[in-house]
């Protein structure tokens, strides 16, 4: 399976920048769906309501799915890689 990596930087409620990647099947090109995945993740992190659009989230590249991502992608449609300030 090939996946698309969407590089995402969101300003948290405390003003710091949260950096994470949204990993989704490469066939999903509808940014509304991708942003929905990001907003779902933000809600789970207590950051619901923070802006997430093309300004914060951009397509980065395509790569092969890693085994540790595959199960969650099959269940939820996406996987999140937490990079910085995601606590």
PDB file of N, CA and C in Angstrom:
ATOM      1  N   UNK A   1       0.850  -1.178   0.000  1.00  0.00           N
ATOM      2  CA  UNK A   1       0.000   0.000   0.000  1.00  0.00           C
ATOM      3  C   UNK A   1       0.897   1.243   0.000  1.00  0.00           C
ATOM      4  N   UNK A   2       0.548   2.204  -0.821  1.00  0.00           N
ATOM      5  CA  UNK A   2       1.227   3.500  -0.833  1.00  0.00           C
ATOM      6  C   UNK A   2       0.375   4.496  -0.053  1.00  0.00           C
ATOM      7  N   UNK A   3       1.043   5.357   0.702  1.00  0.00           N
ATOM      8  CA  UNK A   3       0.347   6.359   1.508  1.00  0.00           C
ATOM      9  C   UNK A   3       0.894   7.749   1.203  1.00  0.00           C
ATOM     10  N   UNK A   4       0.031   8.726   1.413  1.00  0.00           N
ATOM     11  CA  UNK A   4       0.418  10.126   1.281  1.00  0.00           C
ATOM     12  C   UNK A   4       0.723  10.673   2.666  1.00  0.00           C
ATOM     13  N   UNK A   5       1.757  11.488   2.745  1.00  0.00           N
ATOM     14  CA  UNK A   5       2.155  12.132   3.991  1.00  0.00           C
ATOM     15  C   UNK A   5       1.792  13.610   3.877  1.00  0.00           C
ATOM     16  N   UNK A   6       1.001  14.078   4.820  1.00  0.00           N
ATOM     17  CA  UNK A   6       0.560  15.477   4.869  1.00  0.00           C
ATOM     18  C   UNK A   6       1.224  16.143   6.069  1.00  0.00           C
ATOM     19  N   UNK A   7       2.141  17.046   5.808  1.00  0.00           N
ATOM     20  CA  UNK A   7       2.903  17.750   6.832  1.00  0.00           C
ATOM     21  C   UNK A   7       2.018  18.838   7.438  1.00  0.00           C
ATOM     22  N   UNK A   8       1.853  18.809   8.762  1.00  0.00           N
ATOM     23  CA  UNK A   8       0.863  19.668   9.417  1.00  0.00           C
ATOM     24  C   UNK A   8       1.464  20.407  10.610  1.00  0.00           C
ATOM     25  N   UNK A   9       1.217  21.713  10.650  1.00  0.00           N
ATOM     26  CA  UNK A   9       1.643  22.584  11.757  1.00  0.00           C
ATOM     27  C   UNK A   9       0.422  23.372  12.218  1.00  0.00           C
ATOM     28  N   UNK A  10       0.014  23.157  13.460  1.00  0.00           N
ATOM     29  CA  UNK A  10      -1.171  23.822  13.995  1.00  0.00           C
ATOM     30  C   UNK A  10      -0.771  24.612  15.234  1.00  0.00           C
ATOM     31  N   UNK A  11      -1.257  25.842  15.331  1.00  0.00           N
ATOM     32  CA  UNK A  11      -1.031  26.641  16.536  1.00  0.00           C
ATOM     33  C   UNK A  11      -1.993  26.162  17.615  1.00  0.00           C
ATOM     34  N   UNK A  12      -1.430  25.725  18.729  1.00  0.00           N
ATOM     35  CA  UNK A  12      -2.228  25.233  19.845  1.00  0.00           C
ATOM     36  C   UNK A  12      -2.863  26.408  20.590  1.00  0.00           C
ATOM     37  N   UNK A  13      -3.786  26.074  21.466  1.00  0.00           N
ATOM     38  CA  UNK A  13      -4.483  27.094  22.254  1.00  0.00           C
ATOM     39  C   UNK A  13      -3.536  27.905  23.135  1.00  0.00           C
ATOM     40  N   UNK A  14      -2.386  27.303  23.499  1.00  0.00           N
ATOM     41  CA  UNK A  14      -1.419  28.039  24.323  1.00  0.00           C
ATOM     42  C   UNK A  14      -0.427  28.842  23.481  1.00  0.00           C
ATOM     43  N   UNK A  15      -0.592  28.813  22.147  1.00  0.00           N
ATOM     44  CA  UNK A  15       0.262  29.594  21.255  1.00  0.00           C
ATOM     45  C   UNK A  15       1.458  28.835  20.698  1.00  0.00           C
ATOM     46  N   UNK A  16       1.768  27.662  21.259  1.00  0.00           N
ATOM     47  CA  UNK A  16       2.887  26.875  20.726  1.00  0.00           C
ATOM     48  C   UNK A  16       2.458  26.178  19.432  1.00  0.00           C
ATOM     49  N   UNK A  17       3.421  25.723  18.674  1.00  0.00           N
ATOM     50  CA  UNK A  17       3.148  25.073  17.391  1.00  0.00           C
ATOM     51  C   UNK A  17       3.221  23.556  17.543  1.00  0.00           C
ATOM     52  N   UNK A  18       2.170  22.899  17.132  1.00  0.00           N
ATOM     53  CA  UNK A  18       2.072  21.447  17.157  1.00  0.00           C
ATOM     54  C   UNK A  18       2.403  20.944  15.749  1.00  0.00           C
ATOM     55  N   UNK A  19       3.365  20.037  15.629  1.00  0.00           N
ATOM     56  CA  UNK A  19       3.775  19.498  14.332  1.00  0.00           C
ATOM     57  C   UNK A  19       3.474  18.006  14.301  1.00  0.00           C
ATOM     58  N   UNK A  20       2.689  17.595  13.306  1.00  0.00           N
ATOM     59  CA  UNK A  20       2.390  16.174  13.121  1.00  0.00           C
ATOM     60  C   UNK A  20       2.170  15.897  11.645  1.00  0.00           C
ATOM     61  N   UNK A  21       2.296  14.625  11.284  1.00  0.00           N
ATOM     62  CA  UNK A  21       2.028  14.199   9.917  1.00  0.00           C
ATOM     63  C   UNK A  21       0.757  13.369   9.906  1.00  0.00           C
ATOM     64  N   UNK A  22      -0.091  13.635   8.929  1.00  0.00           N
ATOM     65  CA  UNK A  22      -1.276  12.820   8.693  1.00  0.00           C
ATOM     66  C   UNK A  22      -0.903  11.838   7.581  1.00  0.00           C
ATOM     67  N   UNK A  23      -1.046  10.551   7.857  1.00  0.00           N
ATOM     68  CA  UNK A  23      -0.726   9.510   6.883  1.00  0.00           C
ATOM     69  C   UNK A  23      -2.051   8.896   6.429  1.00  0.00           C
ATOM     70  N   UNK A  24      -2.314   8.925   5.123  1.00  0.00           N
ATOM     71  CA  UNK A  24      -3.563   8.396   4.578  1.00  0.00           C
ATOM     72  C   UNK A  24      -3.276   7.694   3.255  1.00  0.00           C
ATOM     73  N   UNK A  25      -4.154   6.779   2.834  1.00  0.00           N
ATOM     74  CA  UNK A  25      -3.951   6.130   1.539  1.00  0.00           C
ATOM     75  C   UNK A  25      -3.785   7.173   0.438  1.00  0.00           C
ATOM     76  N   UNK A  26      -2.862   6.925  -0.490  1.00  0.00           N
ATOM     77  CA  UNK A  26      -2.569   7.909  -1.530  1.00  0.00           C
ATOM     78  C   UNK A  26      -3.777   8.238  -2.401  1.00  0.00           C
ATOM     79  N   UNK A  27      -4.760   7.339  -2.441  1.00  0.00           N
ATOM     80  CA  UNK A  27      -5.949   7.569  -3.263  1.00  0.00           C
ATOM     81  C   UNK A  27      -6.811   8.704  -2.725  1.00  0.00           C
ATOM     82  N   UNK A  28      -6.675   9.009  -1.437  1.00  0.00           N
ATOM     83  CA  UNK A  28      -7.480  10.082  -0.838  1.00  0.00           C
ATOM     84  C   UNK A  28      -6.811  11.412  -1.154  1.00  0.00           C
ATOM     85  N   UNK A  29      -7.402  12.134  -2.073  1.00  0.00           N
ATOM     86  CA  UNK A  29      -6.861  13.428  -2.497  1.00  0.00           C
ATOM     87  C   UNK A  29      -7.756  14.601  -2.086  1.00  0.00           C
ATOM     88  N   UNK A  30      -8.925  14.280  -1.560  1.00  0.00           N
ATOM     89  CA  UNK A  30      -9.877  15.301  -1.130  1.00  0.00           C
ATOM     90  C   UNK A  30      -9.375  15.921   0.178  1.00  0.00           C
ATOM     91  N   UNK A  31      -8.960  17.178   0.100  1.00  0.00           N
ATOM     92  CA  UNK A  31      -8.400  17.819   1.296  1.00  0.00           C
ATOM     93  C   UNK A  31      -9.425  17.940   2.424  1.00  0.00           C
ATOM     94  N   UNK A  32     -10.704  17.969   2.089  1.00  0.00           N
ATOM     95  CA  UNK A  32     -11.727  18.026   3.139  1.00  0.00           C
ATOM     96  C   UNK A  32     -11.633  16.790   4.022  1.00  0.00           C
ATOM     97  N   UNK A  33     -11.381  15.636   3.425  1.00  0.00           N
ATOM     98  CA  UNK A  33     -11.233  14.395   4.184  1.00  0.00           C
ATOM     99  C   UNK A  33      -9.958  14.447   5.022  1.00  0.00           C
ATOM    100  N   UNK A  34      -8.851  14.863   4.399  1.00  0.00           N
ATOM    101  CA  UNK A  34      -7.566  14.940   5.113  1.00  0.00           C
ATOM    102  C   UNK A  34      -7.675  15.900   6.295  1.00  0.00           C
ATOM    103  N   UNK A  35      -8.234  17.077   6.063  1.00  0.00           N
ATOM    104  CA  UNK A  35      -8.384  18.044   7.156  1.00  0.00           C
ATOM    105  C   UNK A  35      -9.309  17.493   8.242  1.00  0.00           C
ATOM    106  N   UNK A  36     -10.313  16.715   7.854  1.00  0.00           N
ATOM    107  CA  UNK A  36     -11.203  16.079   8.828  1.00  0.00           C
ATOM    108  C   UNK A  36     -10.437  15.120   9.729  1.00  0.00           C
ATOM    109  N   UNK A  37      -9.492  14.372   9.140  1.00  0.00           N
ATOM    110  CA  UNK A  37      -8.646  13.484   9.944  1.00  0.00           C
ATOM    111  C   UNK A  37      -7.842  14.308  10.951  1.00  0.00           C
ATOM    112  N   UNK A  38      -7.275  15.414  10.475  1.00  0.00           N
ATOM    113  CA  UNK A  38      -6.487  16.278  11.361  1.00  0.00           C
ATOM    114  C   UNK A  38      -7.328  16.878  12.471  1.00  0.00           C
ATOM    115  N   UNK A  39      -8.539  17.301  12.137  1.00  0.00           N
ATOM    116  CA  UNK A  39      -9.426  17.892  13.144  1.00  0.00           C
ATOM    117  C   UNK A  39      -9.852  16.852  14.177  1.00  0.00           C
ATOM    118  N   UNK A  40     -10.068  15.619  13.726  1.00  0.00           N
ATOM    119  CA  UNK A  40     -10.397  14.535  14.654  1.00  0.00           C
ATOM    120  C   UNK A  40      -9.243  14.319  15.631  1.00  0.00           C
ATOM    121  N   UNK A  41      -8.031  14.305  15.110  1.00  0.00           N
ATOM    122  CA  UNK A  41      -6.843  14.157  15.955  1.00  0.00           C
ATOM    123  C   UNK A  41      -6.737  15.326  16.943  1.00  0.00           C
ATOM    124  N   UNK A  42      -6.928  16.556  16.446  1.00  0.00           N
ATOM    125  CA  UNK A  42      -6.850  17.727  17.324  1.00  0.00           C
ATOM    126  C   UNK A  42      -7.883  17.658  18.441  1.00  0.00           C
ATOM    127  N   UNK A  43      -9.080  17.208  18.117  1.00  0.00           N
ATOM    128  CA  UNK A  43     -10.131  17.072  19.136  1.00  0.00           C
ATOM    129  C   UNK A  43      -9.686  16.099  20.220  1.00  0.00           C
ATOM    130  N   UNK A  44      -9.090  14.980  19.816  1.00  0.00           N
ATOM    131  CA  UNK A  44      -8.608  13.990  20.784  1.00  0.00           C
ATOM    132  C   UNK A  44      -7.468  14.526  21.648  1.00  0.00           C
ATOM    133  N   UNK A  45      -6.787  15.562  21.178  1.00  0.00           N
ATOM    134  CA  UNK A  45      -5.683  16.171  21.921  1.00  0.00           C
ATOM    135  C   UNK A  45      -6.116  17.413  22.692  1.00  0.00           C
ATOM    136  N   UNK A  46      -7.427  17.687  22.734  1.00  0.00           N
ATOM    137  CA  UNK A  46      -7.924  18.860  23.454  1.00  0.00           C
ATOM    138  C   UNK A  46      -7.672  20.165  22.722  1.00  0.00           C
ATOM    139  N   UNK A  47      -7.478  20.076  21.420  1.00  0.00           N
ATOM    140  CA  UNK A  47      -7.187  21.269  20.612  1.00  0.00           C
ATOM    141  C   UNK A  47      -8.276  21.520  19.569  1.00  0.00           C
ATOM    142  N   UNK A  48      -9.491  21.019  19.840  1.00  0.00           N
ATOM    143  CA  UNK A  48     -10.573  21.222  18.887  1.00  0.00           C
ATOM    144  C   UNK A  48     -10.856  22.702  18.697  1.00  0.00           C
ATOM    145  N   UNK A  49     -11.243  23.051  17.484  1.00  0.00           N
ATOM    146  CA  UNK A  49     -11.533  24.442  17.158  1.00  0.00           C
ATOM    147  C   UNK A  49     -10.341  25.197  16.583  1.00  0.00           C
ATOM    148  N   UNK A  50      -9.158  24.606  16.658  1.00  0.00           N
ATOM    149  CA  UNK A  50      -7.983  25.263  16.089  1.00  0.00           C
ATOM    150  C   UNK A  50      -8.048  25.158  14.560  1.00  0.00           C
ATOM    151  N   UNK A  51      -7.624  26.209  13.853  1.00  0.00           N
ATOM    152  CA  UNK A  51      -7.685  26.189  12.387  1.00  0.00           C
ATOM    153  C   UNK A  51      -6.829  25.075  11.794  1.00  0.00           C
ATOM    154  N   UNK A  52      -7.379  24.433  10.775  1.00  0.00           N
ATOM    155  CA  UNK A  52      -6.632  23.438  10.021  1.00  0.00           C
ATOM    156  C   UNK A  52      -7.109  23.528   8.570  1.00  0.00           C
ATOM    157  N   UNK A  53      -6.252  24.081   7.726  1.00  0.00           N
ATOM    158  CA  UNK A  53      -6.580  24.291   6.316  1.00  0.00           C
ATOM    159  C   UNK A  53      -5.301  24.135   5.506  1.00  0.00           C
ATOM    160  N   UNK A  54      -5.322  24.575   4.264  1.00  0.00           N
ATOM    161  CA  UNK A  54      -4.130  24.472   3.412  1.00  0.00           C
ATOM    162  C   UNK A  54      -2.967  25.288   3.970  1.00  0.00           C
ATOM    163  N   UNK A  55      -3.256  26.268   4.818  1.00  0.00           N
ATOM    164  CA  UNK A  55      -2.191  27.048   5.450  1.00  0.00           C
ATOM    165  C   UNK A  55      -1.412  26.198   6.458  1.00  0.00           C
ATOM    166  N   UNK A  56      -2.119  25.312   7.167  1.00  0.00           N
ATOM    167  CA  UNK A  56      -1.497  24.493   8.215  1.00  0.00           C
ATOM    168  C   UNK A  56      -1.099  23.088   7.745  1.00  0.00           C
ATOM    169  N   UNK A  57      -1.715  22.606   6.682  1.00  0.00           N
ATOM    170  CA  UNK A  57      -1.550  21.201   6.283  1.00  0.00           C
ATOM    171  C   UNK A  57      -1.303  21.115   4.778  1.00  0.00           C
ATOM    172  N   UNK A  58      -0.150  20.542   4.413  1.00  0.00           N
ATOM    173  CA  UNK A  58       0.205  20.436   2.998  1.00  0.00           C
ATOM    174  C   UNK A  58       0.673  19.029   2.658  1.00  0.00           C
ATOM    175  N   UNK A  59       0.317  18.607   1.430  1.00  0.00           N
ATOM    176  CA  UNK A  59       0.823  17.334   0.933  1.00  0.00           C
ATOM    177  C   UNK A  59       2.341  17.410   0.883  1.00  0.00           C
ATOM    178  N   UNK A  60       3.017  16.352   1.329  1.00  0.00           N
ATOM    179  CA  UNK A  60       4.475  16.325   1.357  1.00  0.00           C
ATOM    180  C   UNK A  60       5.028  15.326   0.348  1.00  0.00           C
ATOM    181  N   UNK A  61       4.666  14.032   0.498  1.00  0.00           N
ATOM    182  CA  UNK A  61       5.194  13.015  -0.408  1.00  0.00           C
ATOM    183  C   UNK A  61       4.404  11.710  -0.287  1.00  0.00           C
ATOM    184  N   UNK A  62       4.718  10.770  -1.191  1.00  0.00           N
ATOM    185  CA  UNK A  62       4.142   9.424  -1.173  1.00  0.00           C
ATOM    186  C   UNK A  62       5.226   8.458  -0.716  1.00  0.00           C
ATOM    187  N   UNK A  63       4.859   7.488   0.107  1.00  0.00           N
ATOM    188  CA  UNK A  63       5.803   6.447   0.502  1.00  0.00           C
ATOM    189  C   UNK A  63       5.050   5.148   0.762  1.00  0.00           C
ATOM    190  N   UNK A  64       5.790   4.075   0.948  1.00  0.00           N
ATOM    191  CA  UNK A  64       5.187   2.781   1.270  1.00  0.00           C
ATOM    192  C   UNK A  64       4.738   2.793   2.723  1.00  0.00           C
ATOM    193  N   UNK A  65       3.607   2.152   2.964  1.00  0.00           N
ATOM    194  CA  UNK A  65       3.078   2.093   4.331  1.00  0.00           C
ATOM    195  C   UNK A  65       4.025   1.273   5.211  1.00  0.00           C
ATOM    196  N   UNK A  66       4.183   1.717   6.426  1.00  0.00           N
ATOM    197  CA  UNK A  66       4.972   0.969   7.405  1.00  0.00           C
ATOM    198  C   UNK A  66       4.014   0.052   8.174  1.00  0.00           C
ATOM    199  N   UNK A  67       4.484  -1.144   8.550  1.00  0.00           N
ATOM    200  CA  UNK A  67       3.594  -2.094   9.232  1.00  0.00           C
ATOM    201  C   UNK A  67       2.896  -1.515  10.458  1.00  0.00           C
ATOM    202  N   UNK A  68       3.578  -0.663  11.220  1.00  0.00           N
ATOM    203  CA  UNK A  68       2.972  -0.109  12.440  1.00  0.00           C
ATOM    204  C   UNK A  68       1.849   0.889  12.134  1.00  0.00           C
ATOM    205  N   UNK A  69       1.736   1.355  10.894  1.00  0.00           N
ATOM    206  CA  UNK A  69       0.666   2.280  10.508  1.00  0.00           C
ATOM    207  C   UNK A  69      -0.547   1.551   9.943  1.00  0.00           C
ATOM    208  N   UNK A  70      -0.311   0.407   9.334  1.00  0.00           N
ATOM    209  CA  UNK A  70      -1.322  -0.239   8.497  1.00  0.00           C
ATOM    210  C   UNK A  70      -2.617  -0.585   9.217  1.00  0.00           C
ATOM    211  N   UNK A  71      -2.534  -1.156  10.418  1.00  0.00           N
ATOM    212  CA  UNK A  71      -3.743  -1.551  11.146  1.00  0.00           C
ATOM    213  C   UNK A  71      -4.632  -0.350  11.425  1.00  0.00           C
ATOM    214  N   UNK A  72      -4.030   0.726  11.913  1.00  0.00           N
ATOM    215  CA  UNK A  72      -4.822   1.920  12.243  1.00  0.00           C
ATOM    216  C   UNK A  72      -5.409   2.555  10.986  1.00  0.00           C
ATOM    217  N   UNK A  73      -4.667   2.552   9.889  1.00  0.00           N
ATOM    218  CA  UNK A  73      -5.193   3.092   8.638  1.00  0.00           C
ATOM    219  C   UNK A  73      -6.399   2.271   8.184  1.00  0.00           C
ATOM    220  N   UNK A  74      -6.317   0.968   8.320  1.00  0.00           N
ATOM    221  CA  UNK A  74      -7.451   0.114   7.933  1.00  0.00           C
ATOM    222  C   UNK A  74      -8.655   0.343   8.845  1.00  0.00           C
ATOM    223  N   UNK A  75      -8.429   0.652  10.119  1.00  0.00           N
ATOM    224  CA  UNK A  75      -9.525   0.872  11.074  1.00  0.00           C
ATOM    225  C   UNK A  75     -10.123   2.273  10.964  1.00  0.00           C
ATOM    226  N   UNK A  76      -9.257   3.302  10.966  1.00  0.00           N
ATOM    227  CA  UNK A  76      -9.713   4.692  11.032  1.00  0.00           C
ATOM    228  C   UNK A  76      -9.596   5.450   9.720  1.00  0.00           C
ATOM    229  N   UNK A  77      -8.803   4.919   8.798  1.00  0.00           N
ATOM    230  CA  UNK A  77      -8.597   5.609   7.529  1.00  0.00           C
ATOM    231  C   UNK A  77      -7.321   6.419   7.488  1.00  0.00           C
ATOM    232  N   UNK A  78      -6.691   6.615   8.646  1.00  0.00           N
ATOM    233  CA  UNK A  78      -5.477   7.433   8.705  1.00  0.00           C
ATOM    234  C   UNK A  78      -4.626   7.042   9.904  1.00  0.00           C
ATOM    235  N   UNK A  79      -3.409   7.559   9.927  1.00  0.00           N
ATOM    236  CA  UNK A  79      -2.484   7.379  11.043  1.00  0.00           C
ATOM    237  C   UNK A  79      -1.809   8.723  11.274  1.00  0.00           C
ATOM    238  N   UNK A  80      -1.523   9.058  12.524  1.00  0.00           N
ATOM    239  CA  UNK A  80      -0.852  10.310  12.868  1.00  0.00           C
ATOM    240  C   UNK A  80       0.550  10.003  13.395  1.00  0.00           C
ATOM    241  N   UNK A  81       1.526  10.694  12.841  1.00  0.00           N
ATOM    242  CA  UNK A  81       2.885  10.649  13.398  1.00  0.00           C
ATOM    243  C   UNK A  81       3.076  11.948  14.172  1.00  0.00           C
ATOM    244  N   UNK A  82       3.255  11.840  15.466  1.00  0.00           N
ATOM    245  CA  UNK A  82       3.465  13.026  16.299  1.00  0.00           C
ATOM    246  C   UNK A  82       4.935  13.419  16.218  1.00  0.00           C
ATOM    247  N   UNK A  83       5.197  14.676  15.856  1.00  0.00           N
ATOM    248  CA  UNK A  83       6.549  15.158  15.667  1.00  0.00           C
ATOM    249  C   UNK A  83       7.004  16.070  16.815  1.00  0.00           C
ATOM    250  N   UNK A  84       6.277  17.179  17.028  1.00  0.00           N
ATOM    251  CA  UNK A  84       6.672  18.157  18.056  1.00  0.00           C
ATOM    252  C   UNK A  84       5.440  18.725  18.755  1.00  0.00           C
ATOM    253  N   UNK A  85       5.560  18.927  20.071  1.00  0.00           N
ATOM    254  CA  UNK A  85       4.537  19.596  20.893  1.00  0.00           C
ATOM    255  C   UNK A  85       3.146  18.966  20.764  1.00  0.00           C
ATOM    256  N   UNK A  86       3.079  17.652  20.685  1.00  0.00           N
ATOM    257  CA  UNK A  86       1.797  16.966  20.534  1.00  0.00           C
ATOM    258  C   UNK A  86       1.243  16.441  21.857  1.00  0.00           C
ATOM    259  N   UNK A  87       1.908  16.764  22.965  1.00  0.00           N
ATOM    260  CA  UNK A  87       1.435  16.276  24.255  1.00  0.00           C
ATOM    261  C   UNK A  87       0.240  17.051  24.740  1.00  0.00           C
TER     262      UNK A  87
END
